[in-house]
Amino acid sequence: MIEIKKYNENVYRFRVTASTGHAILESIDFSNMEDIKNSVTELQASLNERKVFERRTDHSGKFIFQLKNKDGQLIGSSLPYSSEAGMENGIKNLKTYFDTISMFPEL
């Protein structure tokens, strides 16, 4: 599920949540809904490229991934995972979700 929130006049963010309710990805700030739509459309075409997912370990040893567009700009980050396998499963779920939507339901 994708949830879009408006934080103020010029700040929008989206969150992708698994069917279990666990957040898979939280986006950066966008200035309008059209920018979100354009970014998601672009991501849908490039999610199978390995370079769009940057895998990392945070300072506490948790695993996270960052999602970047084809130009390397950050689009969003995962919440921390306790295992690398959990992080990889989160990436798999995100890819599956984006493959099943034709556009943002809210737009």
Protein backbone atom coordinates (compact mmCIF):
# COMPACT_ATOMS: atom_id res chain seq x y z
CA MET A 1 0.00 0.00 0.00
CA ILE A 2 1.21 3.52 -0.74
CA GLU A 3 0.32 6.31 1.61
CA ILE A 4 0.96 9.93 0.63
CA LYS A 5 1.10 12.59 3.33
CA LYS A 6 1.12 16.34 2.99
CA TYR A 7 3.24 17.87 5.74
CA ASN A 8 2.80 21.49 4.73
CA GLU A 9 2.15 23.55 1.59
CA ASN A 10 5.28 22.37 -0.20
CA VAL A 11 6.25 19.08 1.44
CA TYR A 12 4.82 15.71 0.45
CA ARG A 13 6.17 12.25 1.27
CA PHE A 14 5.09 8.74 0.46
CA ARG A 15 5.44 5.51 2.39
CA VAL A 16 5.17 2.00 1.01
CA THR A 17 3.79 -0.48 3.54
CA ALA A 18 3.64 -4.27 3.32
CA SER A 19 0.38 -6.14 3.81
CA THR A 20 1.60 -6.90 7.34
CA GLY A 21 1.67 -3.17 8.10
CA HIS A 22 5.49 -3.00 8.20
CA ALA A 23 6.89 0.07 6.43
CA ILE A 24 9.12 -0.96 3.52
CA LEU A 25 10.15 2.49 2.29
CA GLU A 26 9.84 6.10 3.39
CA SER A 27 10.45 8.73 0.73
CA ILE A 28 12.35 11.97 0.78
CA ASP A 29 10.44 15.25 0.68
CA PHE A 30 8.77 16.18 -2.60
CA SER A 31 7.46 19.65 -3.39
CA ASN A 32 4.25 18.44 -5.05
CA MET A 33 2.20 15.39 -5.99
CA GLU A 34 3.31 15.53 -9.63
CA ASP A 35 6.96 15.06 -8.58
CA ILE A 36 5.97 11.96 -6.60
CA LYS A 37 4.04 10.54 -9.55
CA ASN A 38 6.94 11.18 -11.93
CA SER A 39 9.48 9.60 -9.58
CA VAL A 40 7.37 6.49 -9.04
CA THR A 41 6.73 6.09 -12.76
CA GLU A 42 10.47 6.33 -13.42
CA LEU A 43 11.22 3.86 -10.62
CA GLN A 44 8.80 1.29 -11.97
CA ALA A 45 10.86 1.14 -15.16
CA SER A 46 14.20 0.78 -13.36
CA LEU A 47 13.55 -1.33 -10.24
CA ASN A 48 15.22 -4.41 -11.70
CA GLU A 49 18.51 -2.55 -12.09
CA ARG A 50 20.74 -3.38 -9.15
CA LYS A 51 22.13 0.17 -8.95
CA VAL A 52 18.82 1.66 -7.77
CA PHE A 53 19.16 -0.16 -4.43
CA GLU A 54 22.06 0.84 -2.22
CA ARG A 55 22.47 -1.64 0.59
CA ARG A 56 24.05 -0.38 3.83
CA THR A 57 24.66 -1.18 7.45
CA ASP A 58 23.90 1.61 9.92
CA HIS A 59 25.97 2.57 12.97
CA SER A 60 24.15 0.05 15.17
CA GLY A 61 24.70 -2.89 12.80
CA LYS A 62 21.17 -2.86 11.33
CA PHE A 63 20.65 -3.33 7.60
CA ILE A 64 18.99 -0.66 5.47
CA PHE A 65 18.58 0.08 1.81
CA GLN A 66 18.25 3.33 -0.04
CA LEU A 67 16.29 3.63 -3.25
CA LYS A 68 17.78 5.90 -5.89
CA ASN A 69 16.59 6.97 -9.31
CA LYS A 70 18.55 6.33 -12.50
CA ASP A 71 20.55 9.53 -11.92
CA GLY A 72 21.61 8.39 -8.44
CA GLN A 73 19.35 10.80 -6.56
CA LEU A 74 17.89 9.48 -3.32
CA ILE A 75 14.15 8.72 -3.46
CA GLY A 76 13.68 6.95 -0.15
CA SER A 77 15.10 4.75 2.58
CA SER A 78 14.00 1.63 4.36
CA LEU A 79 13.60 1.32 8.07
CA PRO A 80 16.32 -0.77 9.78
CA TYR A 81 16.25 -4.56 9.44
CA SER A 82 17.85 -6.88 11.97
CA SER A 83 19.20 -9.20 9.26
CA GLU A 84 20.51 -8.96 5.74
CA ALA A 85 17.95 -11.56 4.66
CA GLY A 86 15.16 -9.38 6.05
CA MET A 87 16.47 -6.39 4.08
CA GLU A 88 16.64 -8.43 0.87
CA ASN A 89 13.07 -9.60 1.49
CA GLY A 90 12.03 -5.95 1.90
CA ILE A 91 13.62 -5.12 -1.47
CA LYS A 92 11.84 -8.09 -3.05
CA ASN A 93 8.49 -6.98 -1.58
CA LEU A 94 9.01 -3.42 -2.80
CA LYS A 95 9.76 -4.63 -6.33
CA THR A 96 6.70 -6.87 -6.27
CA TYR A 97 4.48 -4.04 -5.08
CA PHE A 98 5.66 -1.60 -7.74
CA ASP A 99 5.19 -4.30 -10.41
CA THR A 100 1.53 -4.70 -9.41
CA ILE A 101 0.42 -1.06 -9.44
CA SER A 102 -0.29 0.86 -12.60
CA MET A 103 -0.15 4.23 -10.83
CA PHE A 104 -0.55 5.76 -7.41
CA PRO A 105 -4.10 5.12 -6.23
CA GLU A 106 -4.21 8.54 -4.57
CA LEU A 107 -3.35 10.48 -7.74
